[in-house]
C-alpha cells in the first residue's frame, strides 16, 4: 500500500519543475469519500472545477474524472489526496473502514474535509468530530496556525476563505510532523464549483469575487501542501516570503 502512495507522490512535482506524465495513472485525481446516510456529494462539480484551476495555475497534471470510493475500497491507496464533503450527519464508519482510513493516512495519504452546510454546529460537523475521535482518539483537531506551510505552499495567503466564513481558521490533525487531515467549515467546494458553461454554481455568502479567488487559492495551496509537504518552509525561501508577506499586509 505504501508503494502505491509513494508512486502517486512521485508522479506530481513542484510547480517549478516540469512534470513528465507516464500515463493517466500518474496524473492527480481526487476521489470523494462515499459514506452511508446524508448527502456525500452536495457539490458534484467542485472537485472537477478545482482540478481545472490546478492544471491552469500549476504544472501538476490532473485527471478530472469523478471518483467516489468507500473507505474499504483498496483503490483508495492509489491516490495521495481524498476529499470528504457533506451538509448533514452521516452514519458512523465501521471499525474496518476506520482502520483503512487510519492506515491510508499513516502511509502518507491526505484528507481534506469540507463542511458544505454553511451553518455552525451542523449535523455534518458532529459526525466528522465523532469520526475523528474514532480515528485518532488521542489526537483531537487543532487549529492550524497562519505560519503553517499550507498558507505559503503556492500562494501567500493570510486569511481562511470559503463560500461562507463559519470559521476564520482551519483545523487539522498532524501525525509525526505532517498534517494529514485538514478540516474547513466554510464550504470551500461551494466556492470552487462551476457548471459546463463556466458559470459558478453557487453564490458567495456575505462576500464577493475576492473571497472566491481566495477560496480557489486556498484549495490550490492545500493540494500543493499535500503533494510537497514542507515546500517553501526551508530557510532558503524565508526572506523572500517574509518580505512578500510584509508588503501584502501593508496594503
Foldseek 3Di string as FASTA:
>chain_A
DLVLLVQQLVQWDFQVDAGDDPDQLSAADEEEEDAADFDFCPQVQLRLLLVVVLVVPGNGGHDSDHHYDYLPDPCLLNHQEYETEGAAAGDADDLVSLVSVLVSLVSQHAYEYEYQNQDPPHRNVVNVQVSVCSNCVPWHKDWDDLLAQLCPLPHNDDWDAALHPPDGTWIFTDDPRFTRYIYHHHHLSQLRGDDPVRHRPHHRPPDHDVRSVSSSSSSSSVVSCSSPPCHCVDPVNVVVSVVVVVVVVVD
